[in-house]
Each structure stands twice: as structure tokens, then as C-alpha cells.
Amino acid sequence: MHVQEWLETVPAVSIYVLVGVVIGLESLGIPLPGEIVLVSSALLASQHGDIDPWILGACATAGAIIGDSIGYAIGRKGGRPLLAWLGGKFPKHFGEANIAMAERSFEKWGMWAVFFGRFVALLRIFAGPLAGVLRMPYWKFAIANVLGGILWAGGTTAVIYSVGVVAEAWLKRFSWLGLVLAVLVGLASMLILKNRAKKAAAAASAAPSPAPEPAPSPVTVD
């Protein structure tokens, strides 16, 4: 069953709680589909008047901020052994390569990594615990966490809800013709992107590799 189809069977209060809990656990450091649940719930709110998008956005924002804060506290207390433990439990997400990439992002961007990490699935899981492990000053983390949580959770809810309302009205107006046109546009876009990706890969593989430099001749001393 699709996520949105399942969400249609539960009461509005349960959806608010579900969104807040899933996003909170994801922000805490547990790999969960927080963004999928939020997007599906916002689309559902655009089609059913029982779900208030303002309450939905507030629950998502609260879950993001609280989850990240708990993750920061756990990371600060657990340190690097915590990352090793998470790597054993979730090797796909907390492998050495992913941790190294996240650490480079934090070293380069600091609190901006927490802020913009909200919009990147992998960094969204890492942000709280890794900020604690790296001993980021809490005031910096808190500012980035609150602003990033509001913009990501609230902004995603608002955008998806608005798009859902417009899309539903548009599809009702044009009936099946609108749906067919939307599908054709989507397929055409996918084919164009796929073709460009193939061309880019072919060009990269056809590029000549640089010739190795000749080894210097040995110098003889009389």
C-alpha cells in the first residue's frame, strides 16, 4: 500500500503525531523516511479538509527541532564510539565514507552544515549527532537547528500543500486530458534527463587520460 493511501485511513490527530515522531526520530539519527511521510501528509492535507496544514507544519517543525536537539545531546555524550556503534547498526547510512563526507561538510561550513543539512537526506540524519560529537558550540547549533527546521519542515509543508491544491483543481477542470498531459510531460522530462546523463557518461569515458610523465634519467656523478 502506498504511503498516502495508508495515511487516508487514519485520523488527522494520528497523522500529526506520526509526522512529528517520524521526523523527530530521523533527525535524532535513525534512518527513517521523514521527508516521504511529510510530503505525503501535505498532499493529503491538500485533498482533505480534516487535516490542517498549519498544524501539520507545526508538528513537523517541532519534530525536526526536538529530534535534532536530542541527537546533539546524545552525540556530545557518546562521542566517536557512538558513530562506530551506529555504523554497525546502520552500515548503509553510517559507513566510514558517509561519516567522512559529513565531517568534511561540518569542517568546511560549520553551523551552515546544520542549516542546509535539513535539505539533504543523509546530512539530515547526521546533523544532530555529528554536531554533538564534533563539539559544536550549542548556541550555534541551536540557531541553525531552529531556523533550518522551520524553513525545511514548514516550507516543505506549505509548498507541497499549495502545489497539491492547484494540481487537484487543474486535474478536475481538465479531467483525464490533464492527467494524460501531465504523464506525457513527466515521461518526456525523464527521457531528456536520461539521454543527457548517457551523453555525459559517454563523453567522460571517451576523454583521453593524461599520458604519464617520463621518469627522470639517473644523474651520474664523476
N, C-alpha and C. Protein backbone atom coordinates (compact mmCIF):
# COMPACT_ATOMS: atom_id res chain seq x y z
N MET A 1 0.84 -1.19 0.00
CA MET A 1 0.00 0.00 0.00
C MET A 1 0.88 1.25 0.00
N HIS A 2 0.52 2.22 -0.83
CA HIS A 2 1.26 3.47 -0.90
C HIS A 2 1.11 4.24 0.40
N VAL A 3 2.14 5.05 0.73
CA VAL A 3 2.13 5.79 1.99
C VAL A 3 0.90 6.69 2.08
N GLN A 4 0.60 7.41 1.00
CA GLN A 4 -0.53 8.32 1.03
C GLN A 4 -1.85 7.57 1.18
N GLU A 5 -1.99 6.42 0.53
CA GLU A 5 -3.21 5.62 0.65
C GLU A 5 -3.40 5.14 2.09
N TRP A 6 -2.28 4.78 2.74
CA TRP A 6 -2.38 4.33 4.13
C TRP A 6 -2.75 5.50 5.05
N LEU A 7 -2.18 6.68 4.78
CA LEU A 7 -2.46 7.84 5.61
C LEU A 7 -3.94 8.24 5.55
N GLU A 8 -4.60 7.95 4.44
CA GLU A 8 -6.02 8.30 4.30
C GLU A 8 -6.90 7.50 5.25
N THR A 9 -6.38 6.39 5.79
CA THR A 9 -7.20 5.54 6.65
C THR A 9 -7.08 5.89 8.13
N VAL A 10 -6.20 6.84 8.49
CA VAL A 10 -6.00 7.16 9.91
C VAL A 10 -6.54 8.56 10.20
N PRO A 11 -6.93 8.84 11.47
CA PRO A 11 -7.46 10.16 11.83
C PRO A 11 -6.40 11.26 11.70
N ALA A 12 -6.88 12.51 11.63
CA ALA A 12 -5.97 13.65 11.46
C ALA A 12 -4.99 13.77 12.61
N VAL A 13 -5.46 13.56 13.85
CA VAL A 13 -4.57 13.67 15.01
C VAL A 13 -3.43 12.66 14.91
N SER A 14 -3.73 11.46 14.45
CA SER A 14 -2.70 10.44 14.31
C SER A 14 -1.67 10.84 13.27
N ILE A 15 -2.10 11.53 12.21
CA ILE A 15 -1.17 11.98 11.18
C ILE A 15 -0.23 13.04 11.74
N TYR A 16 -0.78 13.97 12.54
CA TYR A 16 0.07 14.99 13.16
C TYR A 16 1.15 14.33 14.03
N VAL A 17 0.72 13.37 14.84
CA VAL A 17 1.65 12.69 15.74
C VAL A 17 2.67 11.88 14.94
N LEU A 18 2.18 11.17 13.93
CA LEU A 18 3.07 10.34 13.11
C LEU A 18 4.15 11.18 12.44
N VAL A 19 3.76 12.30 11.85
CA VAL A 19 4.72 13.18 11.17
C VAL A 19 5.76 13.69 12.15
N GLY A 20 5.31 14.17 13.31
CA GLY A 20 6.25 14.69 14.31
C GLY A 20 7.21 13.62 14.82
N VAL A 21 6.70 12.43 15.07
CA VAL A 21 7.53 11.35 15.62
C VAL A 21 8.54 10.85 14.59
N VAL A 22 8.08 10.61 13.36
CA VAL A 22 8.98 10.08 12.32
C VAL A 22 10.08 11.08 12.00
N ILE A 23 9.72 12.35 11.84
CA ILE A 23 10.73 13.36 11.54
C ILE A 23 11.66 13.54 12.74
N GLY A 24 11.11 13.46 13.95
CA GLY A 24 11.94 13.58 15.14
C GLY A 24 12.95 12.46 15.25
N LEU A 25 12.52 11.23 15.00
CA LEU A 25 13.43 10.09 15.06
C LEU A 25 14.48 10.15 13.96
N GLU A 26 14.07 10.60 12.77
CA GLU A 26 15.04 10.74 11.68
C GLU A 26 16.09 11.79 12.03
N SER A 27 15.65 12.92 12.59
CA SER A 27 16.58 13.99 12.97
C SER A 27 17.48 13.55 14.11
N LEU A 28 16.99 12.64 14.94
CA LEU A 28 17.78 12.12 16.06
C LEU A 28 18.94 11.25 15.59
N GLY A 29 18.80 10.69 14.38
CA GLY A 29 19.87 9.87 13.82
C GLY A 29 19.43 8.49 13.37
N ILE A 30 18.13 8.22 13.39
CA ILE A 30 17.61 6.92 12.95
C ILE A 30 17.13 7.05 11.52
N PRO A 31 17.66 6.28 10.58
CA PRO A 31 17.26 6.41 9.17
C PRO A 31 15.80 6.03 8.94
N LEU A 32 14.94 7.04 8.83
CA LEU A 32 13.52 6.84 8.56
C LEU A 32 13.10 7.77 7.42
N PRO A 33 12.04 7.44 6.69
CA PRO A 33 11.62 8.27 5.54
C PRO A 33 10.81 9.50 5.99
N GLY A 34 11.44 10.39 6.74
CA GLY A 34 10.72 11.56 7.24
C GLY A 34 10.18 12.45 6.15
N GLU A 35 10.99 12.68 5.12
CA GLU A 35 10.56 13.57 4.04
C GLU A 35 9.39 12.97 3.26
N ILE A 36 9.43 11.65 3.04
CA ILE A 36 8.34 11.00 2.31
C ILE A 36 7.03 11.12 3.10
N VAL A 37 7.10 10.88 4.41
CA VAL A 37 5.90 10.98 5.24
C VAL A 37 5.37 12.41 5.25
N LEU A 38 6.27 13.40 5.32
CA LEU A 38 5.83 14.80 5.34
C LEU A 38 5.19 15.20 4.02
N VAL A 39 5.83 14.84 2.90
CA VAL A 39 5.29 15.19 1.59
C VAL A 39 3.93 14.50 1.37
N SER A 40 3.82 13.23 1.72
CA SER A 40 2.56 12.50 1.55
C SER A 40 1.46 13.12 2.41
N SER A 41 1.80 13.52 3.63
CA SER A 41 0.81 14.12 4.53
C SER A 41 0.37 15.49 4.03
N ALA A 42 1.31 16.28 3.49
CA ALA A 42 0.95 17.60 2.96
C ALA A 42 0.06 17.47 1.73
N LEU A 43 0.35 16.49 0.88
CA LEU A 43 -0.52 16.24 -0.27
C LEU A 43 -1.92 15.81 0.18
N LEU A 44 -1.95 14.97 1.20
CA LEU A 44 -3.23 14.51 1.72
C LEU A 44 -4.02 15.69 2.31
N ALA A 45 -3.33 16.61 2.97
CA ALA A 45 -3.99 17.79 3.54
C ALA A 45 -4.60 18.65 2.45
N SER A 46 -3.96 18.69 1.27
CA SER A 46 -4.49 19.50 0.17
C SER A 46 -5.77 18.91 -0.42
N GLN A 47 -6.04 17.63 -0.13
CA GLN A 47 -7.20 16.96 -0.70
C GLN A 47 -8.31 16.72 0.32
N HIS A 48 -7.96 16.82 1.62
CA HIS A 48 -8.94 16.56 2.67
C HIS A 48 -8.93 17.70 3.67
N GLY A 49 -10.10 18.29 3.90
CA GLY A 49 -10.18 19.44 4.80
C GLY A 49 -9.98 19.10 6.26
N ASP A 50 -9.99 17.80 6.62
CA ASP A 50 -9.84 17.43 8.03
C ASP A 50 -8.42 17.68 8.55
N ILE A 51 -7.45 17.72 7.66
CA ILE A 51 -6.05 17.90 8.06
C ILE A 51 -5.66 19.37 7.88
N ASP A 52 -5.30 20.01 8.96
CA ASP A 52 -4.93 21.42 8.93
C ASP A 52 -3.45 21.54 8.57
N PRO A 53 -3.11 22.21 7.44
CA PRO A 53 -1.70 22.30 7.05
C PRO A 53 -0.86 23.09 8.05
N TRP A 54 -1.47 24.04 8.78
CA TRP A 54 -0.73 24.81 9.78
C TRP A 54 -0.31 23.91 10.94
N ILE A 55 -1.23 23.08 11.40
CA ILE A 55 -0.89 22.16 12.50
C ILE A 55 0.12 21.12 12.01
N LEU A 56 -0.07 20.66 10.78
CA LEU A 56 0.86 19.67 10.21
C LEU A 56 2.27 20.25 10.14
N GLY A 57 2.39 21.48 9.63
CA GLY A 57 3.70 22.11 9.54
C GLY A 57 4.32 22.36 10.90
N ALA A 58 3.48 22.73 11.88
CA ALA A 58 3.99 22.97 13.24
C ALA A 58 4.51 21.68 13.87
N CYS A 59 3.79 20.57 13.67
CA CYS A 59 4.22 19.28 14.21
C CYS A 59 5.52 18.82 13.55
N ALA A 60 5.61 19.01 12.23
CA ALA A 60 6.83 18.63 11.52
C ALA A 60 8.02 19.46 12.00
N THR A 61 7.80 20.76 12.18
CA THR A 61 8.87 21.65 12.65
C THR A 61 9.31 21.27 14.05
N ALA A 62 8.34 21.03 14.93
CA ALA A 62 8.67 20.65 16.31
C ALA A 62 9.45 19.34 16.34
N GLY A 63 9.03 18.37 15.54
CA GLY A 63 9.74 17.09 15.49
C GLY A 63 11.17 17.26 15.02
N ALA A 64 11.35 18.11 13.99
CA ALA A 64 12.70 18.32 13.45
C ALA A 64 13.62 18.98 14.48
N ILE A 65 13.12 20.01 15.15
CA ILE A 65 13.96 20.75 16.11
C ILE A 65 14.26 19.91 17.35
N ILE A 66 13.23 19.27 17.89
CA ILE A 66 13.42 18.46 19.10
C ILE A 66 14.31 17.25 18.81
N GLY A 67 14.06 16.57 17.68
CA GLY A 67 14.87 15.41 17.32
C GLY A 67 16.33 15.75 17.14
N ASP A 68 16.60 16.86 16.45
CA ASP A 68 17.98 17.28 16.25
C ASP A 68 18.64 17.63 17.59
N SER A 69 17.90 18.27 18.49
CA SER A 69 18.45 18.64 19.79
C SER A 69 18.82 17.41 20.62
N ILE A 70 17.94 16.40 20.60
CA ILE A 70 18.24 15.16 21.31
C ILE A 70 19.45 14.47 20.68
N GLY A 71 19.50 14.47 19.34
CA GLY A 71 20.64 13.88 18.66
C GLY A 71 21.94 14.58 19.02
N TYR A 72 21.90 15.90 19.15
CA TYR A 72 23.09 16.66 19.54
C TYR A 72 23.54 16.24 20.94
N ALA A 73 22.59 16.13 21.88
CA ALA A 73 22.94 15.75 23.25
C ALA A 73 23.53 14.35 23.30
N ILE A 74 22.94 13.42 22.54
CA ILE A 74 23.44 12.05 22.51
C ILE A 74 24.84 12.00 21.89
N GLY A 75 25.03 12.74 20.79
CA GLY A 75 26.34 12.76 20.14
C GLY A 75 27.41 13.38 21.02
N ARG A 76 27.06 14.43 21.76
CA ARG A 76 28.04 15.08 22.63
C ARG A 76 28.45 14.16 23.77
N LYS A 77 27.50 13.37 24.26
CA LYS A 77 27.81 12.45 25.36
C LYS A 77 28.48 11.18 24.87
N GLY A 78 28.04 10.66 23.73
CA GLY A 78 28.56 9.38 23.24
C GLY A 78 29.87 9.49 22.50
N GLY A 79 30.13 10.64 21.85
CA GLY A 79 31.39 10.82 21.13
C GLY A 79 31.53 9.88 19.94
N ARG A 80 32.76 9.65 19.53
CA ARG A 80 33.02 8.82 18.35
C ARG A 80 32.62 7.35 18.53
N PRO A 81 32.69 6.78 19.74
CA PRO A 81 32.16 5.41 19.88
C PRO A 81 30.71 5.28 19.44
N LEU A 82 29.94 6.38 19.58
CA LEU A 82 28.55 6.35 19.13
C LEU A 82 28.49 6.17 17.61
N LEU A 83 29.36 6.89 16.88
CA LEU A 83 29.37 6.75 15.42
C LEU A 83 29.76 5.34 15.01
N ALA A 84 30.71 4.74 15.73
CA ALA A 84 31.10 3.36 15.44
C ALA A 84 29.94 2.40 15.68
N TRP A 85 29.19 2.63 16.76
CA TRP A 85 28.02 1.78 17.06
C TRP A 85 26.94 1.93 15.99
N LEU A 86 26.69 3.21 15.57
CA LEU A 86 25.69 3.44 14.53
C LEU A 86 26.13 2.82 13.21
N GLY A 87 27.46 2.83 12.95
CA GLY A 87 27.96 2.21 11.74
C GLY A 87 27.70 0.71 11.71
N GLY A 88 27.76 0.07 12.90
CA GLY A 88 27.45 -1.35 12.98
C GLY A 88 25.98 -1.64 12.79
N LYS A 89 25.13 -0.73 13.30
CA LYS A 89 23.68 -0.93 13.20
C LYS A 89 23.13 -0.53 11.83
N PHE A 90 23.65 0.59 11.29
CA PHE A 90 23.15 1.12 10.00
C PHE A 90 24.34 1.37 9.07
N PRO A 91 24.99 0.30 8.58
CA PRO A 91 26.20 0.48 7.75
C PRO A 91 25.94 1.25 6.45
N LYS A 92 24.72 1.17 5.94
CA LYS A 92 24.41 1.85 4.68
C LYS A 92 24.45 3.36 4.86
N HIS A 93 24.02 3.83 6.03
CA HIS A 93 23.94 5.27 6.28
C HIS A 93 25.13 5.81 7.06
N PHE A 94 25.64 5.01 8.02
CA PHE A 94 26.71 5.48 8.90
C PHE A 94 28.04 4.78 8.60
N GLY A 95 28.25 4.42 7.33
CA GLY A 95 29.53 3.84 6.95
C GLY A 95 30.64 4.87 7.05
N GLU A 96 31.87 4.41 6.98
CA GLU A 96 33.03 5.30 7.13
C GLU A 96 33.04 6.39 6.07
N ALA A 97 32.68 6.04 4.82
CA ALA A 97 32.69 7.03 3.74
C ALA A 97 31.68 8.14 4.00
N ASN A 98 30.47 7.76 4.44
CA ASN A 98 29.43 8.75 4.72
C ASN A 98 29.81 9.65 5.89
N ILE A 99 30.39 9.05 6.93
CA ILE A 99 30.81 9.83 8.09
C ILE A 99 31.91 10.82 7.69
N ALA A 100 32.87 10.36 6.88
CA ALA A 100 33.95 11.24 6.43
C ALA A 100 33.39 12.40 5.61
N MET A 101 32.43 12.11 4.73
CA MET A 101 31.82 13.17 3.93
C MET A 101 31.11 14.19 4.80
N ALA A 102 30.36 13.70 5.80
CA ALA A 102 29.65 14.60 6.70
C ALA A 102 30.61 15.44 7.53
N GLU A 103 31.70 14.84 7.97
CA GLU A 103 32.70 15.58 8.75
C GLU A 103 33.34 16.68 7.93
N ARG A 104 33.63 16.39 6.66
CA ARG A 104 34.20 17.42 5.79
C ARG A 104 33.22 18.58 5.61
N SER A 105 31.93 18.26 5.49
CA SER A 105 30.93 19.31 5.35
C SER A 105 30.88 20.18 6.60
N PHE A 106 30.96 19.54 7.78
CA PHE A 106 30.91 20.30 9.03
C PHE A 106 32.15 21.16 9.20
N GLU A 107 33.32 20.60 8.86
CA GLU A 107 34.55 21.36 9.00
C GLU A 107 34.58 22.56 8.06
N LYS A 108 33.98 22.42 6.89
CA LYS A 108 34.01 23.50 5.90
C LYS A 108 32.93 24.55 6.17
N TRP A 109 31.72 24.10 6.54
CA TRP A 109 30.60 25.02 6.62
C TRP A 109 30.14 25.34 8.04
N GLY A 110 30.55 24.53 9.02
CA GLY A 110 30.16 24.80 10.40
C GLY A 110 28.66 24.74 10.60
N MET A 111 28.08 25.81 11.20
CA MET A 111 26.65 25.81 11.50
C MET A 111 25.79 25.80 10.25
N TRP A 112 26.36 26.24 9.11
CA TRP A 112 25.60 26.18 7.86
C TRP A 112 25.35 24.73 7.44
N ALA A 113 26.23 23.82 7.85
CA ALA A 113 26.02 22.40 7.53
C ALA A 113 24.77 21.89 8.25
N VAL A 114 24.52 22.38 9.47
CA VAL A 114 23.31 22.00 10.19
C VAL A 114 22.09 22.60 9.51
N PHE A 115 22.21 23.87 9.11
CA PHE A 115 21.08 24.57 8.48
C PHE A 115 20.71 23.93 7.14
N PHE A 116 21.68 23.87 6.22
CA PHE A 116 21.39 23.34 4.89
C PHE A 116 21.31 21.81 4.89
N GLY A 117 21.86 21.18 5.94
CA GLY A 117 21.75 19.73 6.03
C GLY A 117 20.31 19.25 6.11
N ARG A 118 19.42 20.12 6.54
CA ARG A 118 17.99 19.78 6.57
C ARG A 118 17.47 19.36 5.21
N PHE A 119 18.05 19.91 4.15
CA PHE A 119 17.53 19.69 2.81
C PHE A 119 18.24 18.54 2.09
N VAL A 120 19.18 17.89 2.78
CA VAL A 120 19.91 16.75 2.21
C VAL A 120 19.63 15.54 3.09
N ALA A 121 19.11 14.47 2.48
CA ALA A 121 18.64 13.32 3.26
C ALA A 121 19.72 12.78 4.19
N LEU A 122 20.95 12.59 3.68
CA LEU A 122 22.00 11.99 4.51
C LEU A 122 22.41 12.92 5.64
N LEU A 123 22.63 14.20 5.32
CA LEU A 123 23.04 15.14 6.36
C LEU A 123 21.93 15.38 7.37
N ARG A 124 20.69 15.23 6.97
CA ARG A 124 19.58 15.41 7.90
C ARG A 124 19.65 14.37 9.03
N ILE A 125 20.12 13.18 8.72
CA ILE A 125 20.27 12.14 9.73
C ILE A 125 21.50 12.40 10.59
N PHE A 126 22.57 12.90 9.95
CA PHE A 126 23.85 13.11 10.64
C PHE A 126 23.89 14.37 11.50
N ALA A 127 23.16 15.41 11.10
CA ALA A 127 23.39 16.76 11.62
C ALA A 127 23.45 16.83 13.14
N GLY A 128 22.41 16.35 13.81
CA GLY A 128 22.37 16.46 15.26
C GLY A 128 23.48 15.69 15.97
N PRO A 129 23.55 14.36 15.77
CA PRO A 129 24.59 13.59 16.46
C PRO A 129 26.01 14.04 16.12
N LEU A 130 26.27 14.34 14.83
CA LEU A 130 27.63 14.70 14.45
C LEU A 130 28.02 16.07 15.02
N ALA A 131 27.07 17.00 15.08
CA ALA A 131 27.36 18.30 15.68
C ALA A 131 27.75 18.13 17.15
N GLY A 132 27.11 17.19 17.84
CA GLY A 132 27.47 16.92 19.22
C GLY A 132 28.82 16.25 19.35
N VAL A 133 29.09 15.28 18.47
CA VAL A 133 30.37 14.57 18.51
C VAL A 133 31.52 15.54 18.27
N LEU A 134 31.33 16.48 17.32
CA LEU A 134 32.37 17.44 16.97
C LEU A 134 32.40 18.63 17.93
N ARG A 135 31.58 18.60 18.96
CA ARG A 135 31.59 19.65 19.99
C ARG A 135 31.29 21.03 19.42
N MET A 136 30.35 21.12 18.50
CA MET A 136 29.94 22.43 18.01
C MET A 136 29.31 23.21 19.16
N PRO A 137 29.64 24.50 19.35
CA PRO A 137 29.01 25.28 20.43
C PRO A 137 27.49 25.22 20.31
N TYR A 138 26.82 24.99 21.45
CA TYR A 138 25.39 24.73 21.38
C TYR A 138 24.61 25.91 20.82
N TRP A 139 25.03 27.14 21.12
CA TRP A 139 24.26 28.29 20.63
C TRP A 139 24.27 28.35 19.11
N LYS A 140 25.41 27.99 18.49
CA LYS A 140 25.47 27.94 17.04
C LYS A 140 24.56 26.84 16.50
N PHE A 141 24.64 25.68 17.14
CA PHE A 141 23.80 24.56 16.71
C PHE A 141 22.33 24.91 16.85
N ALA A 142 21.95 25.54 17.97
CA ALA A 142 20.55 25.84 18.23
C ALA A 142 19.98 26.80 17.19
N ILE A 143 20.75 27.85 16.85
CA ILE A 143 20.27 28.81 15.84
C ILE A 143 20.06 28.12 14.50
N ALA A 144 21.07 27.35 14.05
CA ALA A 144 20.96 26.66 12.77
C ALA A 144 19.86 25.62 12.80
N ASN A 145 19.70 24.93 13.93
CA ASN A 145 18.69 23.89 14.06
C ASN A 145 17.29 24.47 13.96
N VAL A 146 17.03 25.54 14.71
CA VAL A 146 15.68 26.14 14.73
C VAL A 146 15.33 26.73 13.36
N LEU A 147 16.25 27.54 12.81
CA LEU A 147 15.96 28.17 11.51
C LEU A 147 15.83 27.13 10.40
N GLY A 148 16.73 26.14 10.40
CA GLY A 148 16.66 25.09 9.39
C GLY A 148 15.39 24.25 9.51
N GLY A 149 15.01 23.94 10.76
CA GLY A 149 13.80 23.15 10.98
C GLY A 149 12.56 23.88 10.51
N ILE A 150 12.47 25.18 10.81
CA ILE A 150 11.30 25.96 10.39
C ILE A 150 11.23 26.04 8.87
N LEU A 151 12.37 26.36 8.24
CA LEU A 151 12.37 26.54 6.78
C LEU A 151 12.11 25.23 6.05
N TRP A 152 12.76 24.13 6.52
CA TRP A 152 12.57 22.86 5.82
C TRP A 152 11.18 22.28 6.05
N ALA A 153 10.81 22.09 7.32
CA ALA A 153 9.53 21.44 7.63
C ALA A 153 8.35 22.33 7.24
N GLY A 154 8.39 23.59 7.70
CA GLY A 154 7.30 24.49 7.37
C GLY A 154 7.23 24.81 5.89
N GLY A 155 8.41 25.05 5.28
CA GLY A 155 8.43 25.37 3.85
C GLY A 155 7.98 24.21 2.98
N THR A 156 8.44 23.00 3.32
CA THR A 156 8.02 21.82 2.55
C THR A 156 6.52 21.61 2.64
N THR A 157 5.97 21.76 3.84
CA THR A 157 4.53 21.61 4.01
C THR A 157 3.77 22.63 3.18
N ALA A 158 4.20 23.89 3.24
CA ALA A 158 3.49 24.96 2.51
C ALA A 158 3.56 24.75 1.00
N VAL A 159 4.74 24.42 0.50
CA VAL A 159 4.91 24.26 -0.95
C VAL A 159 4.12 23.07 -1.47
N ILE A 160 4.26 21.91 -0.80
CA ILE A 160 3.57 20.70 -1.27
C ILE A 160 2.05 20.87 -1.15
N TYR A 161 1.60 21.49 -0.07
CA TYR A 161 0.16 21.73 0.09
C TYR A 161 -0.37 22.62 -1.02
N SER A 162 0.34 23.71 -1.32
CA SER A 162 -0.10 24.64 -2.37
C SER A 162 -0.11 23.97 -3.73
N VAL A 163 0.95 23.23 -4.02
CA VAL A 163 1.02 22.52 -5.30
C VAL A 163 -0.11 21.50 -5.40
N GLY A 164 -0.39 20.80 -4.29
CA GLY A 164 -1.46 19.81 -4.29
C GLY A 164 -2.82 20.42 -4.56
N VAL A 165 -3.09 21.58 -3.96
CA VAL A 165 -4.38 22.25 -4.18
C VAL A 165 -4.52 22.67 -5.64
N VAL A 166 -3.46 23.29 -6.18
CA VAL A 166 -3.50 23.73 -7.58
C VAL A 166 -3.62 22.54 -8.53
N ALA A 167 -2.85 21.48 -8.27
CA ALA A 167 -2.88 20.30 -9.14
C ALA A 167 -4.25 19.64 -9.14
N GLU A 168 -4.84 19.53 -7.95
CA GLU A 168 -6.15 18.89 -7.88
C GLU A 168 -7.20 19.68 -8.63
N ALA A 169 -7.19 21.01 -8.47
CA ALA A 169 -8.16 21.85 -9.19
C ALA A 169 -7.94 21.78 -10.69
N TRP A 170 -6.66 21.75 -11.10
CA TRP A 170 -6.34 21.70 -12.52
C TRP A 170 -6.79 20.38 -13.13
N LEU A 171 -6.52 19.28 -12.42
CA LEU A 171 -6.90 17.96 -12.95
C LEU A 171 -8.42 17.79 -13.00
N LYS A 172 -9.13 18.35 -12.01
CA LYS A 172 -10.60 18.28 -12.04
C LYS A 172 -11.16 19.05 -13.23
N ARG A 173 -10.53 20.16 -13.55
CA ARG A 173 -11.02 21.00 -14.63
C ARG A 173 -10.84 20.33 -15.98
N PHE A 174 -9.68 19.72 -16.18
CA PHE A 174 -9.39 19.13 -17.48
C PHE A 174 -9.62 17.63 -17.53
N SER A 175 -10.06 17.05 -16.43
CA SER A 175 -10.39 15.63 -16.37
C SER A 175 -9.20 14.79 -16.82
N TRP A 176 -9.47 13.74 -17.58
CA TRP A 176 -8.42 12.80 -17.94
C TRP A 176 -7.42 13.39 -18.92
N LEU A 177 -7.83 14.41 -19.70
CA LEU A 177 -6.89 15.03 -20.63
C LEU A 177 -5.71 15.68 -19.88
N GLY A 178 -6.02 16.33 -18.77
CA GLY A 178 -4.97 16.95 -17.97
C GLY A 178 -4.03 15.89 -17.40
N LEU A 179 -4.60 14.79 -16.95
CA LEU A 179 -3.79 13.72 -16.38
C LEU A 179 -2.85 13.13 -17.43
N VAL A 180 -3.40 12.88 -18.65
CA VAL A 180 -2.58 12.33 -19.72
C VAL A 180 -1.45 13.29 -20.07
N LEU A 181 -1.77 14.60 -20.16
CA LEU A 181 -0.75 15.59 -20.49
C LEU A 181 0.33 15.64 -19.43
N ALA A 182 -0.07 15.56 -18.17
CA ALA A 182 0.91 15.59 -17.08
C ALA A 182 1.84 14.38 -17.16
N VAL A 183 1.28 13.21 -17.46
CA VAL A 183 2.09 12.00 -17.57
C VAL A 183 3.07 12.12 -18.74
N LEU A 184 2.58 12.65 -19.89
CA LEU A 184 3.45 12.79 -21.06
C LEU A 184 4.60 13.76 -20.79
N VAL A 185 4.29 14.86 -20.12
CA VAL A 185 5.34 15.83 -19.78
C VAL A 185 6.36 15.19 -18.86
N GLY A 186 5.88 14.43 -17.88
CA GLY A 186 6.79 13.76 -16.96
C GLY A 186 7.69 12.76 -17.67
N LEU A 187 7.10 11.96 -18.58
CA LEU A 187 7.89 10.98 -19.31
C LEU A 187 8.92 11.66 -20.22
N ALA A 188 8.51 12.74 -20.88
CA ALA A 188 9.43 13.45 -21.76
C ALA A 188 10.61 14.02 -20.97
N SER A 189 10.32 14.60 -19.82
CA SER A 189 11.39 15.16 -18.98
C SER A 189 12.35 14.07 -18.54
N MET A 190 11.79 12.92 -18.15
CA MET A 190 12.63 11.82 -17.70
C MET A 190 13.53 11.32 -18.83
N LEU A 191 12.97 11.20 -20.04
CA LEU A 191 13.76 10.72 -21.17
C LEU A 191 14.86 11.71 -21.54
N ILE A 192 14.56 13.00 -21.48
CA ILE A 192 15.57 14.02 -21.79
C ILE A 192 16.71 13.96 -20.79
N LEU A 193 16.37 13.89 -19.51
CA LEU A 193 17.40 13.82 -18.48
C LEU A 193 18.24 12.55 -18.61
N LYS A 194 17.56 11.43 -18.93
CA LYS A 194 18.28 10.17 -19.09
C LYS A 194 19.25 10.24 -20.27
N ASN A 195 18.79 10.85 -21.37
CA ASN A 195 19.63 10.98 -22.55
C ASN A 195 20.84 11.86 -22.28
N ARG A 196 20.64 12.96 -21.55
CA ARG A 196 21.75 13.85 -21.21
C ARG A 196 22.75 13.14 -20.30
N ALA A 197 22.24 12.34 -19.37
CA ALA A 197 23.14 11.61 -18.47
C ALA A 197 23.99 10.61 -19.25
N LYS A 198 23.37 9.93 -20.24
CA LYS A 198 24.13 8.98 -21.05
C LYS A 198 25.21 9.69 -21.86
N LYS A 199 24.87 10.85 -22.44
CA LYS A 199 25.85 11.60 -23.22
C LYS A 199 27.00 12.05 -22.34
N ALA A 200 26.69 12.53 -21.14
CA ALA A 200 27.74 12.98 -20.22
C ALA A 200 28.65 11.83 -19.83
N ALA A 201 28.05 10.65 -19.58
CA ALA A 201 28.86 9.49 -19.21
C ALA A 201 29.73 9.04 -20.37
N ALA A 202 29.18 9.09 -21.60
CA ALA A 202 29.96 8.69 -22.77
C ALA A 202 31.11 9.65 -23.01
N ALA A 203 30.86 10.94 -22.83
CA ALA A 203 31.92 11.93 -23.04
C ALA A 203 33.02 11.76 -22.01
N ALA A 204 32.63 11.45 -20.77
CA ALA A 204 33.63 11.26 -19.72
C ALA A 204 34.49 10.04 -19.99
N SER A 205 33.88 8.96 -20.47
CA SER A 205 34.65 7.74 -20.73
C SER A 205 35.53 7.88 -21.97
N ALA A 206 35.10 8.73 -22.93
CA ALA A 206 35.87 8.90 -24.15
C ALA A 206 37.01 9.89 -24.00
N ALA A 207 37.00 10.67 -22.92
CA ALA A 207 38.06 11.66 -22.72
C ALA A 207 39.39 10.96 -22.55
N PRO A 208 40.43 11.41 -23.28
CA PRO A 208 41.74 10.73 -23.17
C PRO A 208 42.36 10.98 -21.81
N SER A 209 42.94 9.95 -21.25
CA SER A 209 43.60 10.08 -19.96
C SER A 209 44.97 10.69 -20.17
N PRO A 210 45.44 11.53 -19.25
CA PRO A 210 46.74 12.17 -19.42
C PRO A 210 47.86 11.15 -19.46
N ALA A 211 48.82 11.39 -20.41
CA ALA A 211 49.95 10.47 -20.56
C ALA A 211 50.87 10.59 -19.35
N PRO A 212 51.41 9.47 -18.88
CA PRO A 212 52.31 9.54 -17.72
C PRO A 212 53.59 10.27 -18.06
N GLU A 213 54.08 11.05 -17.12
CA GLU A 213 55.31 11.79 -17.34
C GLU A 213 56.50 10.82 -17.36
N PRO A 214 57.47 11.07 -18.27
CA PRO A 214 58.63 10.16 -18.32
C PRO A 214 59.45 10.27 -17.05
N ALA A 215 59.96 9.16 -16.62
CA ALA A 215 60.76 9.15 -15.40
C ALA A 215 62.08 9.87 -15.65
N PRO A 216 62.55 10.66 -14.70
CA PRO A 216 63.82 11.38 -14.91
C PRO A 216 64.97 10.42 -15.02
N SER A 217 65.91 10.74 -15.94
CA SER A 217 67.08 9.86 -16.14
C SER A 217 68.01 10.00 -14.96
N PRO A 218 68.66 8.93 -14.57
CA PRO A 218 69.56 8.99 -13.42
C PRO A 218 70.75 9.89 -13.67
N VAL A 219 71.16 10.59 -12.66
CA VAL A 219 72.30 11.51 -12.77
C VAL A 219 73.53 10.80 -12.26
N THR A 220 74.57 10.78 -13.07
CA THR A 220 75.82 10.14 -12.67
C THR A 220 76.81 11.18 -12.19
N VAL A 221 77.50 10.86 -11.16
CA VAL A 221 78.49 11.79 -10.59
C VAL A 221 79.87 11.21 -10.82
N ASP A 222 80.72 11.98 -11.48
CA ASP A 222 82.09 11.51 -11.75
C ASP A 222 82.91 11.51 -10.47
